[in-house]
Amino acid sequence: MLPARFHWTADESDLSLPDQRAQVHAFCAAKAWPVVDACVEPCASATDDNRPAFETMIERACDDDHPFDVILVPSHPRFLRDACGRDPYVRRLAEAGVRLISVTEELYNDPIQVMIRQVIARFDAYQSKQLSSL
């Protein structure tokens, strides 16, 4: 297993950045995965992909030198809340041999789990829109 790389965003309703970092590091330690980098965007919203650190992380994940084979997030909404926008990234990462793994929602790429991930993404997008209208 190559080193894991993780990415997250945070807002006031989520775990603090130190708590998220501890959660991710504990997960990696339990699996004996080294962490090679952290991609952190404090106070950024995961409602879209217009985030410089996110874009850089995706580009590095798909580089020919293959610096890592896992992007680990505390939860899938921390990657991207947009249900329609998430799947192209997951496919692009998979084509580059990089897996997106959530600490709290371990879903892989068999057909049932892909469907579950898509349903969760739709609920995440709905919840985000509901919260933004308050």
N, C-alpha and C. Protein backbone atom coordinates (compact mmCIF):
# COMPACT_ATOMS: atom_id res chain seq x y z
N MET A 1 0.84 -1.18 0.00
CA MET A 1 0.00 0.00 0.00
C MET A 1 0.89 1.24 0.00
N LEU A 2 0.66 2.11 -0.94
CA LEU A 2 1.40 3.37 -0.97
C LEU A 2 0.85 4.31 0.10
N PRO A 3 1.54 5.38 0.38
CA PRO A 3 1.09 6.30 1.42
C PRO A 3 -0.29 6.89 1.13
N ALA A 4 -0.99 7.19 2.20
CA ALA A 4 -2.29 7.86 2.09
C ALA A 4 -2.07 9.36 2.07
N ARG A 5 -2.96 10.04 1.45
CA ARG A 5 -2.98 11.50 1.47
C ARG A 5 -4.40 11.85 1.87
N PHE A 6 -4.57 12.84 2.66
CA PHE A 6 -5.93 13.16 3.04
C PHE A 6 -6.26 14.62 2.81
N HIS A 7 -7.53 14.87 2.71
CA HIS A 7 -8.05 16.18 2.37
C HIS A 7 -9.30 16.41 3.20
N TRP A 8 -9.48 17.59 3.66
CA TRP A 8 -10.75 17.90 4.30
C TRP A 8 -10.98 19.40 4.29
N THR A 9 -12.22 19.77 4.49
CA THR A 9 -12.58 21.16 4.71
C THR A 9 -13.32 21.19 6.04
N ALA A 10 -13.52 22.33 6.58
CA ALA A 10 -14.21 22.41 7.86
C ALA A 10 -15.06 23.67 7.92
N ASP A 11 -16.12 23.60 8.64
CA ASP A 11 -16.89 24.78 8.98
C ASP A 11 -17.33 24.64 10.43
N GLU A 12 -18.04 25.63 10.94
CA GLU A 12 -18.35 25.64 12.36
C GLU A 12 -19.21 24.47 12.81
N SER A 13 -19.97 23.85 11.91
CA SER A 13 -20.85 22.76 12.30
C SER A 13 -20.13 21.41 12.33
N ASP A 14 -18.91 21.37 11.88
CA ASP A 14 -18.16 20.11 11.80
C ASP A 14 -17.18 19.99 12.95
N LEU A 15 -16.54 18.83 13.01
CA LEU A 15 -15.43 18.67 13.94
C LEU A 15 -14.38 19.73 13.65
N SER A 16 -13.66 20.14 14.67
CA SER A 16 -12.58 21.10 14.46
C SER A 16 -11.50 20.46 13.59
N LEU A 17 -10.67 21.30 13.00
CA LEU A 17 -9.56 20.77 12.20
C LEU A 17 -8.66 19.84 13.01
N PRO A 18 -8.29 20.19 14.25
CA PRO A 18 -7.47 19.23 15.02
C PRO A 18 -8.19 17.90 15.26
N ASP A 19 -9.50 17.94 15.49
CA ASP A 19 -10.25 16.70 15.68
C ASP A 19 -10.29 15.88 14.39
N GLN A 20 -10.48 16.55 13.25
CA GLN A 20 -10.49 15.83 11.98
C GLN A 20 -9.11 15.23 11.70
N ARG A 21 -8.08 16.01 11.98
CA ARG A 21 -6.71 15.52 11.77
C ARG A 21 -6.46 14.28 12.63
N ALA A 22 -6.87 14.34 13.89
CA ALA A 22 -6.69 13.20 14.80
C ALA A 22 -7.46 11.98 14.31
N GLN A 23 -8.68 12.20 13.82
CA GLN A 23 -9.51 11.10 13.30
C GLN A 23 -8.83 10.43 12.11
N VAL A 24 -8.32 11.21 11.19
CA VAL A 24 -7.67 10.69 10.00
C VAL A 24 -6.37 9.97 10.37
N HIS A 25 -5.58 10.57 11.24
CA HIS A 25 -4.31 9.94 11.63
C HIS A 25 -4.55 8.63 12.38
N ALA A 26 -5.58 8.59 13.22
CA ALA A 26 -5.89 7.35 13.95
C ALA A 26 -6.30 6.25 12.97
N PHE A 27 -7.09 6.60 11.96
CA PHE A 27 -7.52 5.63 10.95
C PHE A 27 -6.30 5.09 10.20
N CYS A 28 -5.40 5.98 9.80
CA CYS A 28 -4.20 5.55 9.07
C CYS A 28 -3.30 4.70 9.97
N ALA A 29 -3.16 5.08 11.21
CA ALA A 29 -2.32 4.31 12.14
C ALA A 29 -2.87 2.90 12.32
N ALA A 30 -4.20 2.77 12.41
CA ALA A 30 -4.82 1.46 12.58
C ALA A 30 -4.57 0.56 11.38
N LYS A 31 -4.41 1.15 10.21
CA LYS A 31 -4.16 0.37 9.00
C LYS A 31 -2.69 0.34 8.61
N ALA A 32 -1.85 0.97 9.43
CA ALA A 32 -0.41 1.07 9.15
C ALA A 32 -0.15 1.78 7.82
N TRP A 33 -0.92 2.79 7.53
CA TRP A 33 -0.73 3.60 6.32
C TRP A 33 0.06 4.85 6.69
N PRO A 34 1.15 5.12 6.01
CA PRO A 34 1.84 6.39 6.24
C PRO A 34 1.05 7.53 5.59
N VAL A 35 1.06 8.66 6.22
CA VAL A 35 0.42 9.85 5.66
C VAL A 35 1.51 10.70 5.04
N VAL A 36 1.38 10.98 3.74
CA VAL A 36 2.44 11.72 3.06
C VAL A 36 2.15 13.21 2.93
N ASP A 37 0.88 13.59 3.06
CA ASP A 37 0.55 14.99 2.88
C ASP A 37 -0.84 15.24 3.41
N ALA A 38 -1.13 16.48 3.73
CA ALA A 38 -2.47 16.90 4.12
C ALA A 38 -2.87 18.05 3.24
N CYS A 39 -4.07 18.00 2.79
CA CYS A 39 -4.63 19.05 1.94
C CYS A 39 -5.77 19.67 2.75
N VAL A 40 -5.52 20.81 3.35
CA VAL A 40 -6.47 21.40 4.28
C VAL A 40 -6.96 22.74 3.75
N GLU A 41 -8.25 22.94 3.82
CA GLU A 41 -8.84 24.20 3.40
C GLU A 41 -9.75 24.73 4.51
N PRO A 42 -9.17 25.37 5.51
CA PRO A 42 -10.00 25.89 6.60
C PRO A 42 -11.00 26.92 6.09
N CYS A 43 -12.19 26.84 6.60
CA CYS A 43 -13.27 27.78 6.30
C CYS A 43 -13.73 27.74 4.85
N ALA A 44 -13.34 26.73 4.10
CA ALA A 44 -13.80 26.59 2.72
C ALA A 44 -14.99 25.65 2.70
N SER A 45 -15.92 25.91 1.82
CA SER A 45 -17.09 25.05 1.70
C SER A 45 -16.85 24.00 0.63
N ALA A 46 -17.31 22.79 0.89
CA ALA A 46 -17.16 21.71 -0.09
C ALA A 46 -18.38 21.64 -1.01
N THR A 47 -19.10 22.75 -1.13
CA THR A 47 -20.29 22.73 -1.99
C THR A 47 -19.93 22.73 -3.46
N ASP A 48 -18.71 23.12 -3.80
CA ASP A 48 -18.28 23.03 -5.20
C ASP A 48 -16.79 22.70 -5.25
N ASP A 49 -16.29 22.55 -6.45
CA ASP A 49 -14.89 22.16 -6.62
C ASP A 49 -13.97 23.34 -6.89
N ASN A 50 -14.48 24.54 -6.75
CA ASN A 50 -13.68 25.74 -6.99
C ASN A 50 -12.89 26.09 -5.72
N ARG A 51 -11.93 25.20 -5.41
CA ARG A 51 -11.08 25.35 -4.22
C ARG A 51 -9.66 25.03 -4.65
N PRO A 52 -8.76 25.98 -4.53
CA PRO A 52 -7.39 25.77 -5.02
C PRO A 52 -6.71 24.52 -4.47
N ALA A 53 -6.80 24.29 -3.18
CA ALA A 53 -6.13 23.11 -2.60
C ALA A 53 -6.76 21.82 -3.12
N PHE A 54 -8.07 21.82 -3.30
CA PHE A 54 -8.76 20.65 -3.84
C PHE A 54 -8.28 20.37 -5.26
N GLU A 55 -8.24 21.41 -6.09
CA GLU A 55 -7.80 21.26 -7.47
C GLU A 55 -6.36 20.74 -7.54
N THR A 56 -5.49 21.28 -6.70
CA THR A 56 -4.10 20.83 -6.66
C THR A 56 -4.02 19.36 -6.25
N MET A 57 -4.81 18.99 -5.24
CA MET A 57 -4.81 17.60 -4.78
C MET A 57 -5.22 16.65 -5.90
N ILE A 58 -6.26 17.00 -6.64
CA ILE A 58 -6.74 16.14 -7.74
C ILE A 58 -5.66 16.03 -8.82
N GLU A 59 -5.05 17.15 -9.17
CA GLU A 59 -3.99 17.12 -10.19
C GLU A 59 -2.82 16.25 -9.75
N ARG A 60 -2.39 16.41 -8.50
CA ARG A 60 -1.28 15.58 -7.99
C ARG A 60 -1.66 14.11 -7.97
N ALA A 61 -2.91 13.81 -7.61
CA ALA A 61 -3.37 12.41 -7.55
C ALA A 61 -3.26 11.76 -8.92
N CYS A 62 -3.43 12.54 -9.96
CA CYS A 62 -3.46 11.98 -11.32
C CYS A 62 -2.12 12.14 -12.04
N ASP A 63 -1.11 12.68 -11.36
CA ASP A 63 0.22 12.83 -11.97
C ASP A 63 0.82 11.48 -12.30
N ASP A 64 1.70 11.47 -13.29
CA ASP A 64 2.37 10.24 -13.71
C ASP A 64 3.26 9.64 -12.62
N ASP A 65 3.79 10.46 -11.71
CA ASP A 65 4.69 9.92 -10.68
C ASP A 65 3.93 9.20 -9.56
N HIS A 66 2.61 9.23 -9.62
CA HIS A 66 1.74 8.49 -8.70
C HIS A 66 2.21 8.63 -7.24
N PRO A 67 2.10 9.85 -6.66
CA PRO A 67 2.64 10.08 -5.32
C PRO A 67 1.87 9.40 -4.19
N PHE A 68 0.66 8.98 -4.44
CA PHE A 68 -0.14 8.29 -3.42
C PHE A 68 -1.26 7.52 -4.09
N ASP A 69 -1.84 6.57 -3.38
CA ASP A 69 -2.92 5.77 -3.96
C ASP A 69 -4.24 5.87 -3.19
N VAL A 70 -4.27 6.73 -2.17
CA VAL A 70 -5.49 6.92 -1.39
C VAL A 70 -5.65 8.40 -1.06
N ILE A 71 -6.86 8.89 -1.22
CA ILE A 71 -7.24 10.17 -0.64
C ILE A 71 -8.24 9.80 0.45
N LEU A 72 -7.90 10.17 1.67
CA LEU A 72 -8.72 9.81 2.82
C LEU A 72 -9.39 11.07 3.35
N VAL A 73 -10.70 10.99 3.53
CA VAL A 73 -11.47 12.11 4.06
C VAL A 73 -12.20 11.66 5.32
N PRO A 74 -12.45 12.58 6.25
CA PRO A 74 -13.21 12.20 7.44
C PRO A 74 -14.62 11.70 7.08
N SER A 75 -15.23 12.32 6.07
CA SER A 75 -16.53 11.87 5.55
C SER A 75 -16.64 12.34 4.11
N HIS A 76 -17.45 11.66 3.33
CA HIS A 76 -17.56 12.00 1.90
C HIS A 76 -17.96 13.46 1.64
N PRO A 77 -18.83 14.07 2.44
CA PRO A 77 -19.15 15.47 2.17
C PRO A 77 -17.95 16.41 2.27
N ARG A 78 -16.90 16.01 3.00
CA ARG A 78 -15.71 16.85 3.09
C ARG A 78 -14.95 16.85 1.77
N PHE A 79 -15.17 15.88 0.92
CA PHE A 79 -14.53 15.84 -0.40
C PHE A 79 -15.26 16.78 -1.34
N LEU A 80 -16.56 16.55 -1.51
CA LEU A 80 -17.38 17.39 -2.37
C LEU A 80 -18.84 17.08 -2.08
N ARG A 81 -19.62 18.11 -1.73
CA ARG A 81 -21.03 17.90 -1.40
C ARG A 81 -21.92 17.74 -2.64
N ASP A 82 -21.47 18.25 -3.75
CA ASP A 82 -22.27 18.21 -4.98
C ASP A 82 -22.36 16.77 -5.49
N ALA A 83 -23.58 16.22 -5.41
CA ALA A 83 -23.79 14.81 -5.77
C ALA A 83 -23.40 14.53 -7.22
N CYS A 84 -23.76 15.42 -8.12
CA CYS A 84 -23.45 15.20 -9.54
C CYS A 84 -21.97 15.44 -9.83
N GLY A 85 -21.37 16.35 -9.10
CA GLY A 85 -19.97 16.68 -9.35
C GLY A 85 -18.98 15.71 -8.76
N ARG A 86 -19.39 14.94 -7.75
CA ARG A 86 -18.46 14.04 -7.06
C ARG A 86 -18.06 12.85 -7.93
N ASP A 87 -19.01 12.23 -8.61
CA ASP A 87 -18.72 11.00 -9.36
C ASP A 87 -17.66 11.16 -10.44
N PRO A 88 -17.65 12.26 -11.21
CA PRO A 88 -16.56 12.38 -12.19
C PRO A 88 -15.17 12.40 -11.54
N TYR A 89 -15.07 13.01 -10.37
CA TYR A 89 -13.78 13.00 -9.67
C TYR A 89 -13.43 11.60 -9.18
N VAL A 90 -14.41 10.90 -8.65
CA VAL A 90 -14.16 9.54 -8.18
C VAL A 90 -13.71 8.66 -9.35
N ARG A 91 -14.35 8.81 -10.51
CA ARG A 91 -13.95 8.04 -11.70
C ARG A 91 -12.54 8.43 -12.16
N ARG A 92 -12.28 9.73 -12.19
CA ARG A 92 -10.96 10.21 -12.62
C ARG A 92 -9.87 9.67 -11.69
N LEU A 93 -10.13 9.71 -10.39
CA LEU A 93 -9.17 9.17 -9.43
C LEU A 93 -8.98 7.68 -9.64
N ALA A 94 -10.08 6.95 -9.84
CA ALA A 94 -10.01 5.50 -10.04
C ALA A 94 -9.18 5.17 -11.28
N GLU A 95 -9.35 5.95 -12.34
CA GLU A 95 -8.57 5.73 -13.55
C GLU A 95 -7.08 5.95 -13.30
N ALA A 96 -6.75 6.80 -12.32
CA ALA A 96 -5.35 7.05 -11.97
C ALA A 96 -4.86 6.08 -10.90
N GLY A 97 -5.74 5.16 -10.48
CA GLY A 97 -5.35 4.18 -9.47
C GLY A 97 -5.42 4.71 -8.05
N VAL A 98 -6.19 5.77 -7.85
CA VAL A 98 -6.32 6.40 -6.53
C VAL A 98 -7.72 6.16 -6.00
N ARG A 99 -7.80 5.67 -4.76
CA ARG A 99 -9.10 5.42 -4.14
C ARG A 99 -9.47 6.58 -3.21
N LEU A 100 -10.74 6.93 -3.20
CA LEU A 100 -11.29 7.89 -2.25
C LEU A 100 -11.92 7.07 -1.13
N ILE A 101 -11.41 7.27 0.09
CA ILE A 101 -11.90 6.51 1.24
C ILE A 101 -12.33 7.48 2.33
N SER A 102 -13.47 7.19 2.93
CA SER A 102 -13.98 7.98 4.04
C SER A 102 -13.76 7.22 5.34
N VAL A 103 -13.32 7.92 6.37
CA VAL A 103 -13.13 7.31 7.69
C VAL A 103 -14.46 6.81 8.23
N THR A 104 -15.52 7.58 8.05
CA THR A 104 -16.82 7.25 8.66
C THR A 104 -17.75 6.47 7.75
N GLU A 105 -17.46 6.43 6.46
CA GLU A 105 -18.34 5.75 5.50
C GLU A 105 -17.48 4.93 4.56
N GLU A 106 -17.08 3.76 5.00
CA GLU A 106 -16.21 2.93 4.16
C GLU A 106 -17.03 2.29 3.04
N LEU A 107 -17.05 2.95 1.91
CA LEU A 107 -17.76 2.45 0.73
C LEU A 107 -16.75 2.29 -0.39
N TYR A 108 -16.79 1.16 -1.06
CA TYR A 108 -15.83 0.86 -2.09
C TYR A 108 -16.49 0.93 -3.46
N ASN A 109 -16.02 0.20 -4.42
CA ASN A 109 -16.50 0.37 -5.78
C ASN A 109 -17.32 -0.78 -6.32
N ASP A 110 -17.87 -1.65 -5.45
CA ASP A 110 -18.78 -2.64 -6.00
C ASP A 110 -20.11 -1.94 -6.27
N PRO A 111 -20.96 -2.45 -7.16
CA PRO A 111 -22.16 -1.73 -7.61
C PRO A 111 -23.09 -1.27 -6.48
N ILE A 112 -23.31 -2.08 -5.47
CA ILE A 112 -24.20 -1.69 -4.38
C ILE A 112 -23.62 -0.51 -3.61
N GLN A 113 -22.33 -0.57 -3.32
CA GLN A 113 -21.72 0.50 -2.55
C GLN A 113 -21.60 1.79 -3.35
N VAL A 114 -21.44 1.70 -4.66
CA VAL A 114 -21.46 2.90 -5.51
C VAL A 114 -22.84 3.55 -5.41
N MET A 115 -23.89 2.74 -5.47
CA MET A 115 -25.24 3.27 -5.36
C MET A 115 -25.45 3.92 -3.99
N ILE A 116 -25.00 3.30 -2.94
CA ILE A 116 -25.13 3.86 -1.59
C ILE A 116 -24.39 5.19 -1.50
N ARG A 117 -23.18 5.24 -2.05
CA ARG A 117 -22.41 6.49 -2.05
C ARG A 117 -23.15 7.60 -2.78
N GLN A 118 -23.81 7.24 -3.90
CA GLN A 118 -24.56 8.24 -4.65
C GLN A 118 -25.77 8.74 -3.88
N VAL A 119 -26.46 7.84 -3.18
CA VAL A 119 -27.61 8.25 -2.36
C VAL A 119 -27.13 9.17 -1.24
N ILE A 120 -26.04 8.80 -0.58
CA ILE A 120 -25.50 9.64 0.49
C ILE A 120 -25.13 11.02 -0.07
N ALA A 121 -24.55 11.06 -1.26
CA ALA A 121 -24.17 12.33 -1.88
C ALA A 121 -25.39 13.19 -2.14
N ARG A 122 -26.48 12.59 -2.57
CA ARG A 122 -27.72 13.36 -2.80
C ARG A 122 -28.24 13.95 -1.50
N PHE A 123 -28.21 13.17 -0.42
CA PHE A 123 -28.64 13.68 0.87
C PHE A 123 -27.71 14.79 1.35
N ASP A 124 -26.41 14.64 1.13
CA ASP A 124 -25.46 15.67 1.52
C ASP A 124 -25.75 16.98 0.79
N ALA A 125 -26.00 16.89 -0.52
CA ALA A 125 -26.31 18.08 -1.32
C ALA A 125 -27.59 18.73 -0.84
N TYR A 126 -28.60 17.92 -0.56
CA TYR A 126 -29.88 18.44 -0.06
C TYR A 126 -29.68 19.15 1.27
N GLN A 127 -28.96 18.51 2.19
CA GLN A 127 -28.72 19.10 3.51
C GLN A 127 -27.96 20.43 3.38
N SER A 128 -26.99 20.47 2.51
CA SER A 128 -26.22 21.69 2.30
C SER A 128 -27.12 22.82 1.79
N LYS A 129 -28.01 22.52 0.85
CA LYS A 129 -28.93 23.54 0.34
C LYS A 129 -29.89 24.00 1.42
N GLN A 130 -30.36 23.08 2.24
CA GLN A 130 -31.28 23.43 3.33
C GLN A 130 -30.58 24.35 4.32
N LEU A 131 -29.35 24.02 4.69
CA LEU A 131 -28.61 24.84 5.65
C LEU A 131 -28.29 26.22 5.09
N SER A 132 -28.02 26.31 3.80
CA SER A 132 -27.67 27.60 3.20
C SER A 132 -28.89 28.52 3.08
N SER A 133 -30.09 27.95 3.15
CA SER A 133 -31.29 28.77 3.03
C SER A 133 -31.76 29.31 4.38
N LEU A 134 -31.09 28.91 5.46
CA LEU A 134 -31.48 29.38 6.80
C LEU A 134 -31.03 30.78 7.06
